[in-house]
PDB file of all heavy atoms in Angstrom:
ATOM      1  N   ALA A   1      -9.461   2.738  -7.426  1.00  0.00           N
ATOM      2  CA  ALA A   1     -10.189   3.606  -6.512  1.00  0.00           C
ATOM      3  C   ALA A   1     -10.536   4.920  -7.208  1.00  0.00           C
ATOM      4  O   ALA A   1      -9.753   5.425  -8.004  1.00  0.00           O
ATOM      5  CB  ALA A   1      -9.332   3.894  -5.276  1.00  0.00           C
ATOM      6  N   PHE A   2     -11.677   5.444  -6.892  1.00  0.00           N
ATOM      7  CA  PHE A   2     -12.187   6.716  -7.401  1.00  0.00           C
ATOM      8  C   PHE A   2     -11.965   6.890  -8.906  1.00  0.00           C
ATOM      9  O   PHE A   2     -11.722   7.979  -9.406  1.00  0.00           O
ATOM     10  CB  PHE A   2     -11.589   7.913  -6.633  1.00  0.00           C
ATOM     11  CG  PHE A   2     -10.088   7.906  -6.461  1.00  0.00           C
ATOM     12  CD1 PHE A   2      -9.258   8.500  -7.377  1.00  0.00           C
ATOM     13  CD2 PHE A   2      -9.517   7.297  -5.351  1.00  0.00           C
ATOM     14  CE1 PHE A   2      -7.882   8.511  -7.216  1.00  0.00           C
ATOM     15  CE2 PHE A   2      -8.138   7.288  -5.182  1.00  0.00           C
ATOM     16  CZ  PHE A   2      -7.327   7.907  -6.112  1.00  0.00           C
ATOM     17  N   GLY A   3     -12.055   5.757  -9.634  1.00  0.00           N
ATOM     18  CA  GLY A   3     -11.969   5.816 -11.080  1.00  0.00           C
ATOM     19  C   GLY A   3     -10.570   5.888 -11.642  1.00  0.00           C
ATOM     20  O   GLY A   3     -10.384   5.902 -12.854  1.00  0.00           O
ATOM     21  N   LEU A   4      -9.554   5.950 -10.778  1.00  0.00           N
ATOM     22  CA  LEU A   4      -8.176   6.015 -11.239  1.00  0.00           C
ATOM     23  C   LEU A   4      -7.433   4.767 -10.785  1.00  0.00           C
ATOM     24  O   LEU A   4      -7.489   4.398  -9.617  1.00  0.00           O
ATOM     25  CB  LEU A   4      -7.467   7.258 -10.667  1.00  0.00           C
ATOM     26  CG  LEU A   4      -7.994   8.613 -11.114  1.00  0.00           C
ATOM     27  CD1 LEU A   4      -7.271   9.717 -10.344  1.00  0.00           C
ATOM     28  CD2 LEU A   4      -7.793   8.799 -12.604  1.00  0.00           C
ATOM     29  N   PRO A   5      -6.728   4.096 -11.688  1.00  0.00           N
ATOM     30  CA  PRO A   5      -5.979   2.909 -11.276  1.00  0.00           C
ATOM     31  C   PRO A   5      -4.798   3.289 -10.399  1.00  0.00           C
ATOM     32  O   PRO A   5      -4.114   4.268 -10.644  1.00  0.00           O
ATOM     33  CB  PRO A   5      -5.503   2.319 -12.610  1.00  0.00           C
ATOM     34  CG  PRO A   5      -5.447   3.482 -13.528  1.00  0.00           C
ATOM     35  CD  PRO A   5      -6.542   4.414 -13.110  1.00  0.00           C
ATOM     36  N   LEU A   6      -4.576   2.531  -9.339  1.00  0.00           N
ATOM     37  CA  LEU A   6      -3.400   2.722  -8.498  1.00  0.00           C
ATOM     38  C   LEU A   6      -2.298   1.825  -9.054  1.00  0.00           C
ATOM     39  O   LEU A   6      -2.352   0.610  -8.910  1.00  0.00           O
ATOM     40  CB  LEU A   6      -3.701   2.354  -7.045  1.00  0.00           C
ATOM     41  CG  LEU A   6      -4.808   3.159  -6.361  1.00  0.00           C
ATOM     42  CD1 LEU A   6      -4.951   2.715  -4.914  1.00  0.00           C
ATOM     43  CD2 LEU A   6      -4.505   4.643  -6.441  1.00  0.00           C
ATOM     44  N   VAL A   7      -1.316   2.409  -9.672  1.00  0.00           N
ATOM     45  CA  VAL A   7      -0.229   1.654 -10.284  1.00  0.00           C
ATOM     46  C   VAL A   7       0.943   1.611  -9.308  1.00  0.00           C
ATOM     47  O   VAL A   7       1.457   2.650  -8.905  1.00  0.00           O
ATOM     48  CB  VAL A   7       0.224   2.311 -11.603  1.00  0.00           C
ATOM     49  CG1 VAL A   7       1.350   1.504 -12.234  1.00  0.00           C
ATOM     50  CG2 VAL A   7      -0.951   2.441 -12.556  1.00  0.00           C
ATOM     51  N   LEU A   8       1.345   0.429  -8.899  1.00  0.00           N
ATOM     52  CA  LEU A   8       2.452   0.304  -7.967  1.00  0.00           C
ATOM     53  C   LEU A   8       3.774   0.465  -8.707  1.00  0.00           C
ATOM     54  O   LEU A   8       4.037  -0.215  -9.699  1.00  0.00           O
ATOM     55  CB  LEU A   8       2.407  -1.052  -7.261  1.00  0.00           C
ATOM     56  CG  LEU A   8       1.150  -1.318  -6.440  1.00  0.00           C
ATOM     57  CD1 LEU A   8       1.232  -2.691  -5.818  1.00  0.00           C
ATOM     58  CD2 LEU A   8       0.961  -0.266  -5.377  1.00  0.00           C
ATOM     59  N   ALA A   9       4.614   1.371  -8.211  1.00  0.00           N
ATOM     60  CA  ALA A   9       5.909   1.583  -8.831  1.00  0.00           C
ATOM     61  C   ALA A   9       6.820   0.387  -8.627  1.00  0.00           C
ATOM     62  O   ALA A   9       7.772   0.185  -9.362  1.00  0.00           O
ATOM     63  CB  ALA A   9       6.559   2.841  -8.260  1.00  0.00           C
ATOM     64  N   GLN A  10       6.550  -0.407  -7.602  1.00  0.00           N
ATOM     65  CA  GLN A  10       7.251  -1.671  -7.405  1.00  0.00           C
ATOM     66  C   GLN A  10       6.245  -2.651  -6.831  1.00  0.00           C
ATOM     67  O   GLN A  10       5.283  -2.260  -6.183  1.00  0.00           O
ATOM     68  CB  GLN A  10       8.453  -1.497  -6.481  1.00  0.00           C
ATOM     69  CG  GLN A  10       8.133  -0.967  -5.109  1.00  0.00           C
ATOM     70  CD  GLN A  10       9.393  -0.576  -4.360  1.00  0.00           C
ATOM     71  OE1 GLN A  10      10.069   0.375  -4.710  1.00  0.00           O
ATOM     72  NE2 GLN A  10       9.710  -1.317  -3.327  1.00  0.00           N
ATOM     73  N   PRO A  11       6.412  -3.951  -7.088  1.00  0.00           N
ATOM     74  CA  PRO A  11       5.386  -4.918  -6.697  1.00  0.00           C
ATOM     75  C   PRO A  11       5.176  -4.982  -5.190  1.00  0.00           C
ATOM     76  O   PRO A  11       6.110  -4.882  -4.406  1.00  0.00           O
ATOM     77  CB  PRO A  11       5.952  -6.249  -7.217  1.00  0.00           C
ATOM     78  CG  PRO A  11       6.932  -5.864  -8.270  1.00  0.00           C
ATOM     79  CD  PRO A  11       7.523  -4.563  -7.819  1.00  0.00           C
ATOM     80  N   LEU A  12       3.920  -5.127  -4.790  1.00  0.00           N
ATOM     81  CA  LEU A  12       3.555  -5.413  -3.406  1.00  0.00           C
ATOM     82  C   LEU A  12       2.744  -6.700  -3.408  1.00  0.00           C
ATOM     83  O   LEU A  12       2.046  -6.986  -4.370  1.00  0.00           O
ATOM     84  CB  LEU A  12       2.687  -4.295  -2.811  1.00  0.00           C
ATOM     85  CG  LEU A  12       3.355  -2.951  -2.520  1.00  0.00           C
ATOM     86  CD1 LEU A  12       2.325  -1.997  -1.956  1.00  0.00           C
ATOM     87  CD2 LEU A  12       4.496  -3.118  -1.545  1.00  0.00           C
ATOM     88  N   PRO A  13       2.807  -7.474  -2.359  1.00  0.00           N
ATOM     89  CA  PRO A  13       1.978  -8.678  -2.301  1.00  0.00           C
ATOM     90  C   PRO A  13       0.504  -8.316  -2.227  1.00  0.00           C
ATOM     91  O   PRO A  13       0.146  -7.220  -1.820  1.00  0.00           O
ATOM     92  CB  PRO A  13       2.452  -9.356  -1.013  1.00  0.00           C
ATOM     93  CG  PRO A  13       3.025  -8.255  -0.193  1.00  0.00           C
ATOM     94  CD  PRO A  13       3.649  -7.296  -1.171  1.00  0.00           C
ATOM     95  N   GLY A  14      -0.331  -9.234  -2.638  1.00  0.00           N
ATOM     96  CA  GLY A  14      -1.756  -8.987  -2.565  1.00  0.00           C
ATOM     97  C   GLY A  14      -2.214  -8.704  -1.153  1.00  0.00           C
ATOM     98  O   GLY A  14      -3.148  -7.961  -0.930  1.00  0.00           O
ATOM     99  N   LEU A  15      -1.532  -9.295  -0.176  1.00  0.00           N
ATOM    100  CA  LEU A  15      -1.849  -9.044   1.225  1.00  0.00           C
ATOM    101  C   LEU A  15      -0.760  -8.168   1.798  1.00  0.00           C
ATOM    102  O   LEU A  15       0.382  -8.596   1.947  1.00  0.00           O
ATOM    103  CB  LEU A  15      -1.923 -10.364   2.008  1.00  0.00           C
ATOM    104  CG  LEU A  15      -2.198 -10.238   3.513  1.00  0.00           C
ATOM    105  CD1 LEU A  15      -3.567  -9.632   3.750  1.00  0.00           C
ATOM    106  CD2 LEU A  15      -2.109 -11.593   4.194  1.00  0.00           C
ATOM    107  N   PHE A  16      -1.088  -6.928   2.064  1.00  0.00           N
ATOM    108  CA  PHE A  16      -0.123  -6.017   2.661  1.00  0.00           C
ATOM    109  C   PHE A  16      -0.247  -6.107   4.174  1.00  0.00           C
ATOM    110  O   PHE A  16      -1.307  -5.858   4.730  1.00  0.00           O
ATOM    111  CB  PHE A  16      -0.377  -4.581   2.202  1.00  0.00           C
ATOM    112  CG  PHE A  16       0.387  -3.553   2.989  1.00  0.00           C
ATOM    113  CD1 PHE A  16       1.751  -3.427   2.822  1.00  0.00           C
ATOM    114  CD2 PHE A  16      -0.260  -2.745   3.901  1.00  0.00           C
ATOM    115  CE1 PHE A  16       2.461  -2.507   3.549  1.00  0.00           C
ATOM    116  CE2 PHE A  16       0.436  -1.824   4.633  1.00  0.00           C
ATOM    117  CZ  PHE A  16       1.805  -1.692   4.458  1.00  0.00           C
ATOM    118  N   ALA A  17       0.806  -6.477   4.851  1.00  0.00           N
ATOM    119  CA  ALA A  17       0.768  -6.650   6.304  1.00  0.00           C
ATOM    120  C   ALA A  17       1.576  -5.564   6.985  1.00  0.00           C
ATOM    121  O   ALA A  17       2.685  -5.239   6.572  1.00  0.00           O
ATOM    122  CB  ALA A  17       1.324  -8.018   6.689  1.00  0.00           C
ATOM    123  N   GLN A  18       1.006  -5.013   8.022  1.00  0.00           N
ATOM    124  CA  GLN A  18       1.666  -3.976   8.813  1.00  0.00           C
ATOM    125  C   GLN A  18       1.786  -4.487  10.240  1.00  0.00           C
ATOM    126  O   GLN A  18       0.806  -4.872  10.851  1.00  0.00           O
ATOM    127  CB  GLN A  18       0.824  -2.696   8.785  1.00  0.00           C
ATOM    128  CG  GLN A  18       1.413  -1.528   9.548  1.00  0.00           C
ATOM    129  CD  GLN A  18       2.407  -0.762   8.712  1.00  0.00           C
ATOM    130  OE1 GLN A  18       2.809  -1.220   7.653  1.00  0.00           O
ATOM    131  NE2 GLN A  18       2.823   0.387   9.190  1.00  0.00           N
ATOM    132  N   ASP A  19       3.002  -4.558  10.771  1.00  0.00           N
ATOM    133  CA  ASP A  19       3.207  -5.068  12.112  1.00  0.00           C
ATOM    134  C   ASP A  19       2.532  -4.173  13.144  1.00  0.00           C
ATOM    135  O   ASP A  19       2.449  -2.951  12.983  1.00  0.00           O
ATOM    136  CB  ASP A  19       4.695  -5.172  12.433  1.00  0.00           C
ATOM    137  CG  ASP A  19       5.375  -6.275  11.628  1.00  0.00           C
ATOM    138  OD1 ASP A  19       4.673  -7.225  11.254  1.00  0.00           O
ATOM    139  OD2 ASP A  19       6.582  -6.165  11.390  1.00  0.00           O
ATOM    140  N   VAL A  20       2.074  -4.785  14.224  1.00  0.00           N
ATOM    141  CA  VAL A  20       1.476  -4.045  15.321  1.00  0.00           C
ATOM    142  C   VAL A  20       2.481  -3.023  15.841  1.00  0.00           C
ATOM    143  O   VAL A  20       3.651  -3.328  16.046  1.00  0.00           O
ATOM    144  CB  VAL A  20       1.056  -5.002  16.454  1.00  0.00           C
ATOM    145  CG1 VAL A  20       0.628  -4.212  17.679  1.00  0.00           C
ATOM    146  CG2 VAL A  20      -0.069  -5.905  15.999  1.00  0.00           C
ATOM    147  N   GLY A  21       2.035  -1.803  16.026  1.00  0.00           N
ATOM    148  CA  GLY A  21       2.887  -0.773  16.568  1.00  0.00           C
ATOM    149  C   GLY A  21       3.703  -0.021  15.536  1.00  0.00           C
ATOM    150  O   GLY A  21       4.454   0.887  15.878  1.00  0.00           O
ATOM    151  N   SER A  22       3.569  -0.349  14.260  1.00  0.00           N
ATOM    152  CA  SER A  22       4.334   0.343  13.232  1.00  0.00           C
ATOM    153  C   SER A  22       3.501   1.457  12.602  1.00  0.00           C
ATOM    154  O   SER A  22       2.293   1.505  12.756  1.00  0.00           O
ATOM    155  CB  SER A  22       4.808  -0.635  12.156  1.00  0.00           C
ATOM    156  OG  SER A  22       3.699  -1.293  11.576  1.00  0.00           O
ATOM    157  N   SER A  23       4.184   2.348  11.888  1.00  0.00           N
ATOM    158  CA  SER A  23       3.514   3.497  11.289  1.00  0.00           C
ATOM    159  C   SER A  23       3.825   3.567   9.803  1.00  0.00           C
ATOM    160  O   SER A  23       4.992   3.613   9.406  1.00  0.00           O
ATOM    161  CB  SER A  23       3.976   4.796  11.961  1.00  0.00           C
ATOM    162  OG  SER A  23       3.644   4.806  13.343  1.00  0.00           O
ATOM    163  N   LEU A  24       2.775   3.557   9.005  1.00  0.00           N
ATOM    164  CA  LEU A  24       2.908   3.701   7.555  1.00  0.00           C
ATOM    165  C   LEU A  24       2.607   5.140   7.180  1.00  0.00           C
ATOM    166  O   LEU A  24       1.536   5.660   7.504  1.00  0.00           O
ATOM    167  CB  LEU A  24       1.932   2.772   6.834  1.00  0.00           C
ATOM    168  CG  LEU A  24       1.732   3.017   5.335  1.00  0.00           C
ATOM    169  CD1 LEU A  24       3.009   2.679   4.570  1.00  0.00           C
ATOM    170  CD2 LEU A  24       0.559   2.214   4.807  1.00  0.00           C
ATOM    171  N   ALA A  25       3.552   5.798   6.530  1.00  0.00           N
ATOM    172  CA  ALA A  25       3.342   7.171   6.079  1.00  0.00           C
ATOM    173  C   ALA A  25       2.978   7.171   4.607  1.00  0.00           C
ATOM    174  O   ALA A  25       3.600   6.476   3.810  1.00  0.00           O
ATOM    175  CB  ALA A  25       4.601   8.002   6.295  1.00  0.00           C
ATOM    176  N   ILE A  26       1.952   7.936   4.253  1.00  0.00           N
ATOM    177  CA  ILE A  26       1.616   8.161   2.849  1.00  0.00           C
ATOM    178  C   ILE A  26       2.001   9.599   2.543  1.00  0.00           C
ATOM    179  O   ILE A  26       1.363  10.541   3.006  1.00  0.00           O
ATOM    180  CB  ILE A  26       0.123   7.915   2.567  1.00  0.00           C
ATOM    181  CG1 ILE A  26      -0.255   6.470   2.903  1.00  0.00           C
ATOM    182  CG2 ILE A  26      -0.188   8.219   1.103  1.00  0.00           C
ATOM    183  CD1 ILE A  26      -1.715   6.142   2.673  1.00  0.00           C
ATOM    184  N   GLU A  27       3.081   9.731   1.810  1.00  0.00           N
ATOM    185  CA  GLU A  27       3.609  11.044   1.454  1.00  0.00           C
ATOM    186  C   GLU A  27       3.168  11.343   0.032  1.00  0.00           C
ATOM    187  O   GLU A  27       3.347  10.521  -0.861  1.00  0.00           O
ATOM    188  CB  GLU A  27       5.135  11.029   1.556  1.00  0.00           C
ATOM    189  CG  GLU A  27       5.785  12.380   1.402  1.00  0.00           C
ATOM    190  CD  GLU A  27       7.290  12.272   1.545  1.00  0.00           C
ATOM    191  OE1 GLU A  27       7.889  11.599   0.681  1.00  0.00           O
ATOM    192  OE2 GLU A  27       7.858  12.835   2.494  1.00  0.00           O
TER     193      GLU A  27
END
């Protein structure tokens, strides 16, 4: 994105699933 690679510090699946009603914080 925006010319910079997003490097995951730990592996995530190709499909990231978020349960209904949950909250993901980006700190």
